[in-house]
Amino acid sequence: MPLSRVCSTAQNQNSLSHSSRGPKSKATYTYPTAGPAYRPAIVFRHTAPPVQNAPLSERELEVARLIAAGYSNKQMASELGISHNTVARHVANIMRKMSAGNRTEAVLNAIRQELIPFG
């Protein structure tokens, strides 16, 4: 189910239900939501702490916001008017500074630190 539909369902029903119907399982799970907006639990999980004293530059913050918005490196390069290689370097720096193994984790760490807004 797409995240937008999950969020909509959560807001309308104030809970999410999932049924697993297979030859060996007939289980139903309910996931209550906390408030009017659904936020995935992964946003609040803690991972490796960020590198100390390594704030993101203004350009890295721009790139992090675009990653959070779902842009690819190619799209970011076009949007920012820089080369694909420069974008890749910014992404690598963000991942290093946020102690992240991938782009998603880097953005989640930046959100947790309130460097970029959620959503």
PDB file of N, CA and C in Angstrom:
ATOM      1  N   MET A   1       0.845  -1.164   0.000  1.00  0.00           N
ATOM      2  CA  MET A   1       0.000   0.000   0.000  1.00  0.00           C
ATOM      3  C   MET A   1       0.897   1.236   0.000  1.00  0.00           C
ATOM      4  N   PRO A   2       0.647   2.216  -0.867  1.00  0.00           N
ATOM      5  CA  PRO A   2       1.471   3.417  -0.914  1.00  0.00           C
ATOM      6  C   PRO A   2       1.374   4.190   0.400  1.00  0.00           C
ATOM      7  N   LEU A   3       2.463   4.865   0.770  1.00  0.00           N
ATOM      8  CA  LEU A   3       2.515   5.596   2.028  1.00  0.00           C
ATOM      9  C   LEU A   3       1.414   6.641   2.109  1.00  0.00           C
ATOM     10  N   SER A   4       1.110   7.322   0.998  1.00  0.00           N
ATOM     11  CA  SER A   4       0.064   8.343   1.027  1.00  0.00           C
ATOM     12  C   SER A   4      -1.280   7.740   1.402  1.00  0.00           C
ATOM     13  N   ARG A   5      -1.550   6.530   0.922  1.00  0.00           N
ATOM     14  CA  ARG A   5      -2.810   5.866   1.257  1.00  0.00           C
ATOM     15  C   ARG A   5      -2.802   5.412   2.713  1.00  0.00           C
ATOM     16  N   VAL A   6      -1.654   4.936   3.183  1.00  0.00           N
ATOM     17  CA  VAL A   6      -1.529   4.538   4.585  1.00  0.00           C
ATOM     18  C   VAL A   6      -1.804   5.732   5.479  1.00  0.00           C
ATOM     19  N   CYS A   7      -1.214   6.887   5.134  1.00  0.00           N
ATOM     20  CA  CYS A   7      -1.416   8.091   5.936  1.00  0.00           C
ATOM     21  C   CYS A   7      -2.878   8.508   5.928  1.00  0.00           C
ATOM     22  N   SER A   8      -3.493   8.483   4.761  1.00  0.00           N
ATOM     23  CA  SER A   8      -4.893   8.839   4.637  1.00  0.00           C
ATOM     24  C   SER A   8      -5.765   7.902   5.454  1.00  0.00           C
ATOM     25  N   THR A   9      -5.497   6.615   5.362  1.00  0.00           N
ATOM     26  CA  THR A   9      -6.255   5.623   6.118  1.00  0.00           C
ATOM     27  C   THR A   9      -6.090   5.857   7.608  1.00  0.00           C
ATOM     28  N   ALA A  10      -4.870   6.132   8.028  1.00  0.00           N
ATOM     29  CA  ALA A  10      -4.595   6.352   9.451  1.00  0.00           C
ATOM     30  C   ALA A  10      -5.336   7.575   9.961  1.00  0.00           C
ATOM     31  N   GLN A  11      -5.380   8.616   9.168  1.00  0.00           N
ATOM     32  CA  GLN A  11      -6.060   9.827   9.598  1.00  0.00           C
ATOM     33  C   GLN A  11      -7.564   9.611   9.669  1.00  0.00           C
ATOM     34  N   ASN A  12      -8.120   8.868   8.734  1.00  0.00           N
ATOM     35  CA  ASN A  12      -9.555   8.655   8.694  1.00  0.00           C
ATOM     36  C   ASN A  12     -10.037   7.639   9.715  1.00  0.00           C
ATOM     37  N   GLN A  13      -9.266   6.601   9.972  1.00  0.00           N
ATOM     38  CA  GLN A  13      -9.716   5.535  10.848  1.00  0.00           C
ATOM     39  C   GLN A  13      -9.056   5.566  12.214  1.00  0.00           C
ATOM     40  N   ASN A  14      -8.021   6.351  12.381  1.00  0.00           N
ATOM     41  CA  ASN A  14      -7.243   6.441  13.617  1.00  0.00           C
ATOM     42  C   ASN A  14      -6.601   5.122  14.008  1.00  0.00           C
ATOM     43  N   SER A  15      -6.566   4.165  13.101  1.00  0.00           N
ATOM     44  CA  SER A  15      -5.810   2.924  13.303  1.00  0.00           C
ATOM     45  C   SER A  15      -5.648   2.242  11.962  1.00  0.00           C
ATOM     46  N   LEU A  16      -4.689   1.348  11.884  1.00  0.00           N
ATOM     47  CA  LEU A  16      -4.424   0.594  10.670  1.00  0.00           C
ATOM     48  C   LEU A  16      -4.592  -0.877  10.975  1.00  0.00           C
ATOM     49  N   SER A  17      -5.241  -1.597  10.097  1.00  0.00           N
ATOM     50  CA  SER A  17      -5.383  -3.038  10.274  1.00  0.00           C
ATOM     51  C   SER A  17      -4.732  -3.738   9.110  1.00  0.00           C
ATOM     52  N   HIS A  18      -4.151  -4.877   9.383  1.00  0.00           N
ATOM     53  CA  HIS A  18      -3.517  -5.674   8.343  1.00  0.00           C
ATOM     54  C   HIS A  18      -3.903  -7.121   8.578  1.00  0.00           C
ATOM     55  N   SER A  19      -4.433  -7.752   7.580  1.00  0.00           N
ATOM     56  CA  SER A  19      -4.784  -9.162   7.698  1.00  0.00           C
ATOM     57  C   SER A  19      -3.835  -9.987   6.861  1.00  0.00           C
ATOM     58  N   SER A  20      -3.361 -11.057   7.425  1.00  0.00           N
ATOM     59  CA  SER A  20      -2.509 -11.992   6.709  1.00  0.00           C
ATOM     60  C   SER A  20      -3.297 -13.273   6.531  1.00  0.00           C
ATOM     61  N   ARG A  21      -3.705 -13.535   5.333  1.00  0.00           N
ATOM     62  CA  ARG A  21      -4.512 -14.721   5.078  1.00  0.00           C
ATOM     63  C   ARG A  21      -3.746 -15.639   4.133  1.00  0.00           C
ATOM     64  N   GLY A  22      -3.263 -16.693   4.652  1.00  0.00           N
ATOM     65  CA  GLY A  22      -2.536 -17.667   3.861  1.00  0.00           C
ATOM     66  C   GLY A  22      -2.899 -19.049   4.342  1.00  0.00           C
ATOM     67  N   PRO A  23      -2.320 -20.064   3.756  1.00  0.00           N
ATOM     68  CA  PRO A  23      -2.669 -21.426   4.138  1.00  0.00           C
ATOM     69  C   PRO A  23      -2.316 -21.744   5.587  1.00  0.00           C
ATOM     70  N   LYS A  24      -1.332 -21.043   6.166  1.00  0.00           N
ATOM     71  CA  LYS A  24      -0.898 -21.363   7.522  1.00  0.00           C
ATOM     72  C   LYS A  24      -1.237 -20.267   8.531  1.00  0.00           C
ATOM     73  N   SER A  25      -1.707 -19.106   8.071  1.00  0.00           N
ATOM     74  CA  SER A  25      -1.869 -17.991   8.992  1.00  0.00           C
ATOM     75  C   SER A  25      -3.180 -17.265   8.765  1.00  0.00           C
ATOM     76  N   LYS A  26      -3.850 -16.952   9.864  1.00  0.00           N
ATOM     77  CA  LYS A  26      -5.053 -16.122   9.813  1.00  0.00           C
ATOM     78  C   LYS A  26      -4.956 -15.108  10.947  1.00  0.00           C
ATOM     79  N   ALA A  27      -4.013 -14.186  10.820  1.00  0.00           N
ATOM     80  CA  ALA A  27      -3.769 -13.212  11.878  1.00  0.00           C
ATOM     81  C   ALA A  27      -4.182 -11.820  11.426  1.00  0.00           C
ATOM     82  N   THR A  28      -4.661 -11.032  12.364  1.00  0.00           N
ATOM     83  CA  THR A  28      -4.991  -9.639  12.106  1.00  0.00           C
ATOM     84  C   THR A  28      -4.206  -8.784  13.081  1.00  0.00           C
ATOM     85  N   TYR A  29      -3.588  -7.738  12.568  1.00  0.00           N
ATOM     86  CA  TYR A  29      -2.789  -6.845  13.390  1.00  0.00           C
ATOM     87  C   TYR A  29      -3.380  -5.448  13.305  1.00  0.00           C
ATOM     88  N   THR A  30      -3.443  -4.760  14.411  1.00  0.00           N
ATOM     89  CA  THR A  30      -3.910  -3.381  14.439  1.00  0.00           C
ATOM     90  C   THR A  30      -2.785  -2.501  14.950  1.00  0.00           C
ATOM     91  N   TYR A  31      -2.536  -1.425  14.223  1.00  0.00           N
ATOM     92  CA  TYR A  31      -1.482  -0.488  14.588  1.00  0.00           C
ATOM     93  C   TYR A  31      -2.129   0.860  14.900  1.00  0.00           C
ATOM     94  N   PRO A  32      -2.254   1.233  16.163  1.00  0.00           N
ATOM     95  CA  PRO A  32      -2.872   2.521  16.481  1.00  0.00           C
ATOM     96  C   PRO A  32      -1.963   3.670  16.073  1.00  0.00           C
ATOM     97  N   THR A  33      -2.569   4.783  15.750  1.00  0.00           N
ATOM     98  CA  THR A  33      -1.791   5.966  15.395  1.00  0.00           C
ATOM     99  C   THR A  33      -1.836   6.948  16.548  1.00  0.00           C
ATOM    100  N   ALA A  34      -0.892   7.829  16.587  1.00  0.00           N
ATOM    101  CA  ALA A  34      -0.809   8.825  17.650  1.00  0.00           C
ATOM    102  C   ALA A  34      -1.101  10.197  17.074  1.00  0.00           C
ATOM    103  N   GLY A  35      -2.348  10.610  17.106  1.00  0.00           N
ATOM    104  CA  GLY A  35      -2.693  11.941  16.633  1.00  0.00           C
ATOM    105  C   GLY A  35      -3.153  11.954  15.198  1.00  0.00           C
ATOM    106  N   PRO A  36      -3.315  13.148  14.660  1.00  0.00           N
ATOM    107  CA  PRO A  36      -3.910  13.283  13.338  1.00  0.00           C
ATOM    108  C   PRO A  36      -3.000  12.894  12.179  1.00  0.00           C
ATOM    109  N   ALA A  37      -1.696  12.884  12.370  1.00  0.00           N
ATOM    110  CA  ALA A  37      -0.785  12.572  11.264  1.00  0.00           C
ATOM    111  C   ALA A  37      -0.006  11.300  11.570  1.00  0.00           C
ATOM    112  N   TYR A  38       0.105  10.451  10.578  1.00  0.00           N
ATOM    113  CA  TYR A  38       0.865   9.210  10.720  1.00  0.00           C
ATOM    114  C   TYR A  38       2.314   9.485  10.373  1.00  0.00           C
ATOM    115  N   ARG A  39       3.220   9.104  11.253  1.00  0.00           N
ATOM    116  CA  ARG A  39       4.655   9.203  10.983  1.00  0.00           C
ATOM    117  C   ARG A  39       5.250   7.824  11.182  1.00  0.00           C
ATOM    118  N   PRO A  40       5.953   7.321  10.186  1.00  0.00           N
ATOM    119  CA  PRO A  40       6.537   5.985  10.307  1.00  0.00           C
ATOM    120  C   PRO A  40       7.456   5.893  11.521  1.00  0.00           C
ATOM    121  N   ALA A  41       7.398   4.763  12.210  1.00  0.00           N
ATOM    122  CA  ALA A  41       8.197   4.562  13.415  1.00  0.00           C
ATOM    123  C   ALA A  41       9.687   4.698  13.141  1.00  0.00           C
ATOM    124  N   ILE A  42      10.119   4.391  11.922  1.00  0.00           N
ATOM    125  CA  ILE A  42      11.550   4.452  11.606  1.00  0.00           C
ATOM    126  C   ILE A  42      12.109   5.861  11.791  1.00  0.00           C
ATOM    127  N   VAL A  43      11.253   6.879  11.668  1.00  0.00           N
ATOM    128  CA  VAL A  43      11.701   8.256  11.847  1.00  0.00           C
ATOM    129  C   VAL A  43      12.190   8.474  13.274  1.00  0.00           C
ATOM    130  N   PHE A  44      11.633   7.733  14.224  1.00  0.00           N
ATOM    131  CA  PHE A  44      11.959   7.945  15.624  1.00  0.00           C
ATOM    132  C   PHE A  44      12.965   6.949  16.178  1.00  0.00           C
ATOM    133  N   ARG A  45      13.338   5.951  15.393  1.00  0.00           N
ATOM    134  CA  ARG A  45      14.347   4.996  15.843  1.00  0.00           C
ATOM    135  C   ARG A  45      15.712   5.656  15.855  1.00  0.00           C
ATOM    136  N   HIS A  46      16.525   5.222  16.775  1.00  0.00           N
ATOM    137  CA  HIS A  46      17.872   5.784  16.867  1.00  0.00           C
ATOM    138  C   HIS A  46      18.867   4.866  16.179  1.00  0.00           C
ATOM    139  N   THR A  47      19.767   5.467  15.450  1.00  0.00           N
ATOM    140  CA  THR A  47      20.840   4.731  14.787  1.00  0.00           C
ATOM    141  C   THR A  47      22.155   5.336  15.267  1.00  0.00           C
ATOM    142  N   ALA A  48      23.199   5.110  14.545  1.00  0.00           N
ATOM    143  CA  ALA A  48      24.505   5.646  14.936  1.00  0.00           C
ATOM    144  C   ALA A  48      24.428   7.162  15.077  1.00  0.00           C
ATOM    145  N   PRO A  49      25.079   7.709  16.092  1.00  0.00           N
ATOM    146  CA  PRO A  49      25.053   9.159  16.264  1.00  0.00           C
ATOM    147  C   PRO A  49      25.811   9.848  15.130  1.00  0.00           C
ATOM    148  N   PRO A  50      25.431  11.078  14.805  1.00  0.00           N
ATOM    149  CA  PRO A  50      26.132  11.792  13.740  1.00  0.00           C
ATOM    150  C   PRO A  50      27.552  12.146  14.158  1.00  0.00           C
ATOM    151  N   VAL A  51      28.370  12.428  13.163  1.00  0.00           N
ATOM    152  CA  VAL A  51      29.742  12.849  13.430  1.00  0.00           C
ATOM    153  C   VAL A  51      29.682  14.171  14.197  1.00  0.00           C
ATOM    154  N   GLN A  52      30.402  14.259  15.304  1.00  0.00           N
ATOM    155  CA  GLN A  52      30.377  15.469  16.129  1.00  0.00           C
ATOM    156  C   GLN A  52      31.061  16.632  15.417  1.00  0.00           C
ATOM    157  N   ASN A  53      30.528  17.821  15.649  1.00  0.00           N
ATOM    158  CA  ASN A  53      31.101  19.055  15.107  1.00  0.00           C
ATOM    159  C   ASN A  53      31.214  19.031  13.587  1.00  0.00           C
ATOM    160  N   ALA A  54      30.253  18.421  12.929  1.00  0.00           N
ATOM    161  CA  ALA A  54      30.282  18.365  11.469  1.00  0.00           C
ATOM    162  C   ALA A  54      28.918  18.780  10.923  1.00  0.00           C
ATOM    163  N   PRO A  55      28.533  20.063  11.126  1.00  0.00           N
ATOM    164  CA  PRO A  55      27.235  20.492  10.618  1.00  0.00           C
ATOM    165  C   PRO A  55      27.221  20.468   9.089  1.00  0.00           C
ATOM    166  N   LEU A  56      26.042  20.344   8.554  1.00  0.00           N
ATOM    167  CA  LEU A  56      25.905  20.349   7.099  1.00  0.00           C
ATOM    168  C   LEU A  56      26.027  21.779   6.579  1.00  0.00           C
ATOM    169  N   SER A  57      26.689  21.913   5.441  1.00  0.00           N
ATOM    170  CA  SER A  57      26.786  23.222   4.788  1.00  0.00           C
ATOM    171  C   SER A  57      25.412  23.587   4.224  1.00  0.00           C
ATOM    172  N   GLU A  58      25.260  24.843   3.829  1.00  0.00           N
ATOM    173  CA  GLU A  58      23.985  25.279   3.241  1.00  0.00           C
ATOM    174  C   GLU A  58      23.639  24.443   2.010  1.00  0.00           C
ATOM    175  N   ARG A  59      24.618  24.162   1.167  1.00  0.00           N
ATOM    176  CA  ARG A  59      24.372  23.374  -0.043  1.00  0.00           C
ATOM    177  C   ARG A  59      23.991  21.942   0.324  1.00  0.00           C
ATOM    178  N   GLU A  60      24.662  21.375   1.334  1.00  0.00           N
ATOM    179  CA  GLU A  60      24.331  20.017   1.775  1.00  0.00           C
ATOM    180  C   GLU A  60      22.915  19.969   2.346  1.00  0.00           C
ATOM    181  N   LEU A  61      22.494  21.026   3.042  1.00  0.00           N
ATOM    182  CA  LEU A  61      21.117  21.090   3.540  1.00  0.00           C
ATOM    183  C   LEU A  61      20.127  21.121   2.380  1.00  0.00           C
ATOM    184  N   GLU A  62      20.454  21.889   1.333  1.00  0.00           N
ATOM    185  CA  GLU A  62      19.604  21.921   0.134  1.00  0.00           C
ATOM    186  C   GLU A  62      19.482  20.526  -0.468  1.00  0.00           C
ATOM    187  N   VAL A  63      20.618  19.848  -0.600  1.00  0.00           N
ATOM    188  CA  VAL A  63      20.631  18.500  -1.177  1.00  0.00           C
ATOM    189  C   VAL A  63      19.841  17.545  -0.287  1.00  0.00           C
ATOM    190  N   ALA A  64      20.004  17.645   1.026  1.00  0.00           N
ATOM    191  CA  ALA A  64      19.265  16.776   1.953  1.00  0.00           C
ATOM    192  C   ALA A  64      17.759  16.990   1.814  1.00  0.00           C
ATOM    193  N   ARG A  65      17.324  18.239   1.671  1.00  0.00           N
ATOM    194  CA  ARG A  65      15.892  18.526   1.481  1.00  0.00           C
ATOM    195  C   ARG A  65      15.383  17.901   0.182  1.00  0.00           C
ATOM    196  N   LEU A  66      16.195  17.971  -0.867  1.00  0.00           N
ATOM    197  CA  LEU A  66      15.786  17.387  -2.146  1.00  0.00           C
ATOM    198  C   LEU A  66      15.759  15.859  -2.075  1.00  0.00           C
ATOM    199  N   ILE A  67      16.703  15.262  -1.356  1.00  0.00           N
ATOM    200  CA  ILE A  67      16.670  13.806  -1.158  1.00  0.00           C
ATOM    201  C   ILE A  67      15.376  13.440  -0.443  1.00  0.00           C
ATOM    202  N   ALA A  68      15.041  14.194   0.606  1.00  0.00           N
ATOM    203  CA  ALA A  68      13.817  13.936   1.368  1.00  0.00           C
ATOM    204  C   ALA A  68      12.576  14.075   0.492  1.00  0.00           C
ATOM    205  N   ALA A  69      12.645  14.947  -0.509  1.00  0.00           N
ATOM    206  CA  ALA A  69      11.522  15.144  -1.430  1.00  0.00           C
ATOM    207  C   ALA A  69      11.471  14.078  -2.517  1.00  0.00           C
ATOM    208  N   GLY A  70      12.468  13.182  -2.540  1.00  0.00           N
ATOM    209  CA  GLY A  70      12.448  12.082  -3.496  1.00  0.00           C
ATOM    210  C   GLY A  70      13.207  12.319  -4.785  1.00  0.00           C
ATOM    211  N   TYR A  71      14.006  13.355  -4.846  1.00  0.00           N
ATOM    212  CA  TYR A  71      14.768  13.647  -6.060  1.00  0.00           C
ATOM    213  C   TYR A  71      15.907  12.646  -6.243  1.00  0.00           C
ATOM    214  N   SER A  72      16.187  12.303  -7.489  1.00  0.00           N
ATOM    215  CA  SER A  72      17.369  11.501  -7.816  1.00  0.00           C
ATOM    216  C   SER A  72      18.559  12.452  -7.936  1.00  0.00           C
ATOM    217  N   ASN A  73      19.764  11.908  -7.999  1.00  0.00           N
ATOM    218  CA  ASN A  73      20.949  12.757  -8.175  1.00  0.00           C
ATOM    219  C   ASN A  73      20.850  13.572  -9.458  1.00  0.00           C
ATOM    220  N   LYS A  74      20.376  12.951 -10.520  1.00  0.00           N
ATOM    221  CA  LYS A  74      20.250  13.639 -11.810  1.00  0.00           C
ATOM    222  C   LYS A  74      19.254  14.800 -11.706  1.00  0.00           C
ATOM    223  N   GLN A  75      18.130  14.562 -11.027  1.00  0.00           N
ATOM    224  CA  GLN A  75      17.134  15.620 -10.859  1.00  0.00           C
ATOM    225  C   GLN A  75      17.678  16.763 -10.002  1.00  0.00           C
ATOM    226  N   MET A  76      18.430  16.407  -8.950  1.00  0.00           N
ATOM    227  CA  MET A  76      19.021  17.444  -8.097  1.00  0.00           C
ATOM    228  C   MET A  76      20.023  18.279  -8.877  1.00  0.00           C
ATOM    229  N   ALA A  77      20.842  17.631  -9.702  1.00  0.00           N
ATOM    230  CA  ALA A  77      21.829  18.352 -10.508  1.00  0.00           C
ATOM    231  C   ALA A  77      21.133  19.376 -11.397  1.00  0.00           C
ATOM    232  N   SER A  78      20.047  18.972 -12.024  1.00  0.00           N
ATOM    233  CA  SER A  78      19.296  19.874 -12.891  1.00  0.00           C
ATOM    234  C   SER A  78      18.667  21.012 -12.085  1.00  0.00           C
ATOM    235  N   GLU A  79      18.067  20.683 -10.962  1.00  0.00           N
ATOM    236  CA  GLU A  79      17.403  21.672 -10.107  1.00  0.00           C
ATOM    237  C   GLU A  79      18.385  22.709  -9.554  1.00  0.00           C
ATOM    238  N   LEU A  80      19.564  22.248  -9.147  1.00  0.00           N
ATOM    239  CA  LEU A  80      20.545  23.132  -8.513  1.00  0.00           C
ATOM    240  C   LEU A  80      21.526  23.758  -9.502  1.00  0.00           C
ATOM    241  N   GLY A  81      21.522  23.282 -10.747  1.00  0.00           N
ATOM    242  CA  GLY A  81      22.430  23.822 -11.754  1.00  0.00           C
ATOM    243  C   GLY A  81      23.878  23.442 -11.514  1.00  0.00           C
ATOM    244  N   ILE A  82      24.088  22.224 -11.016  1.00  0.00           N
ATOM    245  CA  ILE A  82      25.441  21.721 -10.769  1.00  0.00           C
ATOM    246  C   ILE A  82      25.576  20.360 -11.437  1.00  0.00           C
ATOM    247  N   SER A  83      26.786  19.831 -11.488  1.00  0.00           N
ATOM    248  CA  SER A  83      26.999  18.553 -12.164  1.00  0.00           C
ATOM    249  C   SER A  83      26.526  17.383 -11.300  1.00  0.00           C
ATOM    250  N   HIS A  84      26.263  16.275 -11.972  1.00  0.00           N
ATOM    251  CA  HIS A  84      25.869  15.038 -11.299  1.00  0.00           C
ATOM    252  C   HIS A  84      26.944  14.604 -10.309  1.00  0.00           C
ATOM    253  N   ASN A  85      28.219  14.743 -10.692  1.00  0.00           N
ATOM    254  CA  ASN A  85      29.330  14.364  -9.807  1.00  0.00           C
ATOM    255  C   ASN A  85      29.374  15.226  -8.545  1.00  0.00           C
ATOM    256  N   THR A  86      29.055  16.504  -8.682  1.00  0.00           N
ATOM    257  CA  THR A  86      29.030  17.385  -7.513  1.00  0.00           C
ATOM    258  C   THR A  86      27.909  16.972  -6.566  1.00  0.00           C
ATOM    259  N   VAL A  87      26.755  16.641  -7.117  1.00  0.00           N
ATOM    260  CA  VAL A  87      25.642  16.157  -6.291  1.00  0.00           C
ATOM    261  C   VAL A  87      26.053  14.883  -5.565  1.00  0.00           C
ATOM    262  N   ALA A  88      26.676  13.960  -6.278  1.00  0.00           N
ATOM    263  CA  ALA A  88      27.113  12.697  -5.665  1.00  0.00           C
ATOM    264  C   ALA A  88      28.085  12.962  -4.518  1.00  0.00           C
ATOM    265  N   ARG A  89      28.962  13.940  -4.674  1.00  0.00           N
ATOM    266  CA  ARG A  89      29.914  14.302  -3.614  1.00  0.00           C
ATOM    267  C   ARG A  89      29.174  14.866  -2.406  1.00  0.00           C
ATOM    268  N   HIS A  90      28.172  15.745  -2.653  1.00  0.00           N
ATOM    269  CA  HIS A  90      27.374  16.295  -1.546  1.00  0.00           C
ATOM    270  C   HIS A  90      26.640  15.174  -0.804  1.00  0.00           C
ATOM    271  N   VAL A  91      26.052  14.247  -1.551  1.00  0.00           N
ATOM    272  CA  VAL A  91      25.329  13.123  -0.935  1.00  0.00           C
ATOM    273  C   VAL A  91      26.283  12.297  -0.082  1.00  0.00           C
ATOM    274  N   ALA A  92      27.468  12.016  -0.597  1.00  0.00           N
ATOM    275  CA  ALA A  92      28.462  11.243   0.163  1.00  0.00           C
ATOM    276  C   ALA A  92      28.866  11.983   1.440  1.00  0.00           C
ATOM    277  N   ASN A  93      29.046  13.303   1.349  1.00  0.00           N
ATOM    278  CA  ASN A  93      29.395  14.096   2.533  1.00  0.00           C
ATOM    279  C   ASN A  93      28.276  14.074   3.567  1.00  0.00           C
ATOM    280  N   ILE A  94      27.039  14.192   3.105  1.00  0.00           N
ATOM    281  CA  ILE A  94      25.887  14.147   4.012  1.00  0.00           C
ATOM    282  C   ILE A  94      25.842  12.801   4.724  1.00  0.00           C
ATOM    283  N   MET A  95      26.011  11.720   3.966  1.00  0.00           N
ATOM    284  CA  MET A  95      25.978  10.383   4.563  1.00  0.00           C
ATOM    285  C   MET A  95      27.086  10.221   5.598  1.00  0.00           C
ATOM    286  N   ARG A  96      28.275  10.723   5.291  1.00  0.00           N
ATOM    287  CA  ARG A  96      29.396  10.624   6.237  1.00  0.00           C
ATOM    288  C   ARG A  96      29.109  11.428   7.498  1.00  0.00           C
ATOM    289  N   LYS A  97      28.664  12.669   7.324  1.00  0.00           N
ATOM    290  CA  LYS A  97      28.412  13.538   8.473  1.00  0.00           C
ATOM    291  C   LYS A  97      27.246  13.052   9.330  1.00  0.00           C
ATOM    292  N   MET A  98      26.292  12.371   8.719  1.00  0.00           N
ATOM    293  CA  MET A  98      25.137  11.850   9.451  1.00  0.00           C
ATOM    294  C   MET A  98      25.349  10.405   9.903  1.00  0.00           C
ATOM    295  N   SER A  99      26.546   9.866   9.680  1.00  0.00           N
ATOM    296  CA  SER A  99      26.881   8.472  10.042  1.00  0.00           C
ATOM    297  C   SER A  99      25.832   7.505   9.503  1.00  0.00           C
ATOM    298  N   ALA A 100      25.533   7.650   8.227  1.00  0.00           N
ATOM    299  CA  ALA A 100      24.470   6.868   7.603  1.00  0.00           C
ATOM    300  C   ALA A 100      25.029   5.923   6.549  1.00  0.00           C
ATOM    301  N   GLY A 101      24.369   4.798   6.396  1.00  0.00           N
ATOM    302  CA  GLY A 101      24.768   3.817   5.400  1.00  0.00           C
ATOM    303  C   GLY A 101      24.109   4.025   4.055  1.00  0.00           C
ATOM    304  N   ASN A 102      23.048   4.861   4.025  1.00  0.00           N
ATOM    305  CA  ASN A 102      22.366   5.137   2.764  1.00  0.00           C
ATOM    306  C   ASN A 102      21.693   6.509   2.840  1.00  0.00           C
ATOM    307  N   ARG A 103      21.144   6.947   1.720  1.00  0.00           N
ATOM    308  CA  ARG A 103      20.531   8.274   1.623  1.00  0.00           C
ATOM    309  C   ARG A 103      19.362   8.437   2.583  1.00  0.00           C
ATOM    310  N   THR A 104      18.533   7.401   2.663  1.00  0.00           N
ATOM    311  CA  THR A 104      17.346   7.465   3.509  1.00  0.00           C
ATOM    312  C   THR A 104      17.727   7.643   4.970  1.00  0.00           C
ATOM    313  N   GLU A 105      18.678   6.863   5.419  1.00  0.00           N
ATOM    314  CA  GLU A 105      19.134   6.965   6.806  1.00  0.00           C
ATOM    315  C   GLU A 105      19.748   8.340   7.073  1.00  0.00           C
ATOM    316  N   ALA A 106      20.471   8.878   6.106  1.00  0.00           N
ATOM    317  CA  ALA A 106      21.068  10.209   6.261  1.00  0.00           C
ATOM    318  C   ALA A 106      19.986  11.265   6.454  1.00  0.00           C
ATOM    319  N   VAL A 107      18.935  11.193   5.646  1.00  0.00           N
ATOM    320  CA  VAL A 107      17.841  12.153   5.755  1.00  0.00           C
ATOM    321  C   VAL A 107      17.106  11.975   7.083  1.00  0.00           C
ATOM    322  N   LEU A 108      16.870  10.735   7.493  1.00  0.00           N
ATOM    323  CA  LEU A 108      16.205  10.501   8.776  1.00  0.00           C
ATOM    324  C   LEU A 108      17.020  11.073   9.931  1.00  0.00           C
ATOM    325  N   ASN A 109      18.329  10.912   9.889  1.00  0.00           N
ATOM    326  CA  ASN A 109      19.183  11.484  10.931  1.00  0.00           C
ATOM    327  C   ASN A 109      19.121  13.013  10.908  1.00  0.00           C
ATOM    328  N   ALA A 110      19.086  13.600   9.726  1.00  0.00           N
ATOM    329  CA  ALA A 110      18.980  15.058   9.612  1.00  0.00           C
ATOM    330  C   ALA A 110      17.637  15.550  10.152  1.00  0.00           C
ATOM    331  N   ILE A 111      16.566  14.781   9.918  1.00  0.00           N
ATOM    332  CA  ILE A 111      15.246  15.134  10.457  1.00  0.00           C
ATOM    333  C   ILE A 111      15.265  15.037  11.976  1.00  0.00           C
ATOM    334  N   ARG A 112      15.841  13.963  12.498  1.00  0.00           N
ATOM    335  CA  ARG A 112      15.918  13.783  13.958  1.00  0.00           C
ATOM    336  C   ARG A 112      16.661  14.935  14.631  1.00  0.00           C
ATOM    337  N   GLN A 113      17.675  15.445  13.952  1.00  0.00           N
ATOM    338  CA  GLN A 113      18.454  16.565  14.500  1.00  0.00           C
ATOM    339  C   GLN A 113      17.816  17.917  14.181  1.00  0.00           C
ATOM    340  N   GLU A 114      16.677  17.879  13.507  1.00  0.00           N
ATOM    341  CA  GLU A 114      15.938  19.076  13.116  1.00  0.00           C
ATOM    342  C   GLU A 114      16.754  19.993  12.210  1.00  0.00           C
ATOM    343  N   LEU A 115      17.600  19.383  11.380  1.00  0.00           N
ATOM    344  CA  LEU A 115      18.350  20.147  10.385  1.00  0.00           C
ATOM    345  C   LEU A 115      17.486  20.430   9.167  1.00  0.00           C
ATOM    346  N   ILE A 116      16.573  19.498   8.871  1.00  0.00           N
ATOM    347  CA  ILE A 116      15.612  19.677   7.783  1.00  0.00           C
ATOM    348  C   ILE A 116      14.239  19.308   8.327  1.00  0.00           C
ATOM    349  N   PRO A 117      13.164  19.870   7.762  1.00  0.00           N
ATOM    350  CA  PRO A 117      11.820  19.580   8.271  1.00  0.00           C
ATOM    351  C   PRO A 117      11.323  18.211   7.834  1.00  0.00           C
ATOM    352  N   PHE A 118      10.427  17.632   8.623  1.00  0.00           N
ATOM    353  CA  PHE A 118       9.781  16.373   8.258  1.00  0.00           C
ATOM    354  C   PHE A 118       8.645  16.683   7.312  1.00  0.00           C
ATOM    355  N   GLY A 119       8.587  15.931   6.196  1.00  0.00           N
ATOM    356  CA  GLY A 119       7.462  16.066   5.282  1.00  0.00           C
ATOM    357  C   GLY A 119       7.607  17.045   4.238  1.00  0.00           C
TER     358      GLY A 119
END
